[in-house]
């Protein structure tokens, strides 16, 4: 796959549940066939704490890839 462009991220944040949903899409072409490729990513992150700098510390990531 050769990446050509990307859209997003669109950010959805539910402050009551501390859940953040990010949506983005990568567009490209398959190297072997030249056919278009569109990969949609939707990470779902639950945030409960912040580190000493104030950055969010995720405690659970639904739908993350292997090893996450």
Protein backbone atom coordinates (compact mmCIF):
# COMPACT_ATOMS: atom_id res chain seq x y z
CA UNK A 1 0.00 0.00 0.00
CA UNK A 2 1.22 3.44 -0.88
CA UNK A 3 -0.36 6.11 1.30
CA UNK A 4 -1.49 9.20 -0.62
CA UNK A 5 -3.52 11.20 1.91
CA UNK A 6 -5.32 11.08 5.24
CA UNK A 7 -8.53 12.56 6.64
CA UNK A 8 -9.18 13.46 10.27
CA UNK A 9 -8.98 12.99 13.04
CA UNK A 10 -12.54 13.72 14.05
CA UNK A 11 -12.60 13.80 17.86
CA UNK A 12 -15.60 12.83 19.99
CA UNK A 13 -15.21 13.28 23.74
CA UNK A 14 -17.77 12.25 26.36
CA UNK A 15 -16.67 14.03 29.53
CA UNK A 16 -19.13 12.11 31.72
CA UNK A 17 -17.65 8.71 30.85
CA UNK A 18 -14.08 9.96 30.12
CA UNK A 19 -14.19 8.27 26.70
CA UNK A 20 -12.51 9.76 23.63
CA UNK A 21 -13.21 8.40 20.13
CA UNK A 22 -10.91 9.38 17.25
CA UNK A 23 -11.87 8.74 13.63
CA UNK A 24 -9.46 8.98 10.72
CA UNK A 25 -8.98 7.49 7.26
CA UNK A 26 -5.83 6.79 5.24
CA UNK A 27 -6.19 6.75 1.43
CA UNK A 28 -3.75 5.15 -0.94
CA UNK A 29 -3.22 2.55 -3.65
CA UNK A 30 -2.24 -1.12 -3.59
CA UNK A 31 1.25 -1.42 -5.04
CA UNK A 32 0.60 -4.68 -6.93
CA UNK A 33 -2.75 -3.73 -8.51
CA UNK A 34 -3.03 0.06 -8.35
CA UNK A 35 -6.50 -0.32 -6.83
CA UNK A 36 -7.62 2.35 -4.35
CA UNK A 37 -7.27 1.61 -0.65
CA UNK A 38 -9.15 3.30 2.21
CA UNK A 39 -8.31 2.25 5.76
CA UNK A 40 -10.62 3.53 8.51
CA UNK A 41 -9.29 3.77 12.07
CA UNK A 42 -11.49 4.32 15.13
CA UNK A 43 -9.51 4.16 18.39
CA UNK A 44 -11.66 4.32 21.53
CA UNK A 45 -9.73 5.56 24.59
CA UNK A 46 -10.88 5.69 28.22
CA UNK A 47 -9.04 8.27 30.32
CA UNK A 48 -9.11 8.14 34.11
CA UNK A 49 -5.96 9.95 35.26
CA UNK A 50 -3.45 12.55 34.19
CA UNK A 51 0.30 12.40 34.64
CA UNK A 52 2.31 15.04 36.51
CA UNK A 53 2.47 17.22 33.36
CA UNK A 54 -1.32 17.12 32.99
CA UNK A 55 -1.28 14.76 29.99
CA UNK A 56 -4.08 12.18 29.84
CA UNK A 57 -3.14 8.62 30.81
CA UNK A 58 -5.29 6.05 28.95
CA UNK A 59 -6.35 3.03 31.00
CA UNK A 60 -8.12 1.01 28.28
CA UNK A 61 -8.09 1.07 24.49
CA UNK A 62 -10.91 -0.79 22.78
CA UNK A 63 -10.26 -2.05 19.26
CA UNK A 64 -6.51 -1.53 19.47
CA UNK A 65 -4.21 -3.70 17.42
CA UNK A 66 -2.41 -6.77 18.70
CA UNK A 67 0.05 -6.06 21.47
CA UNK A 68 -1.67 -2.85 22.55
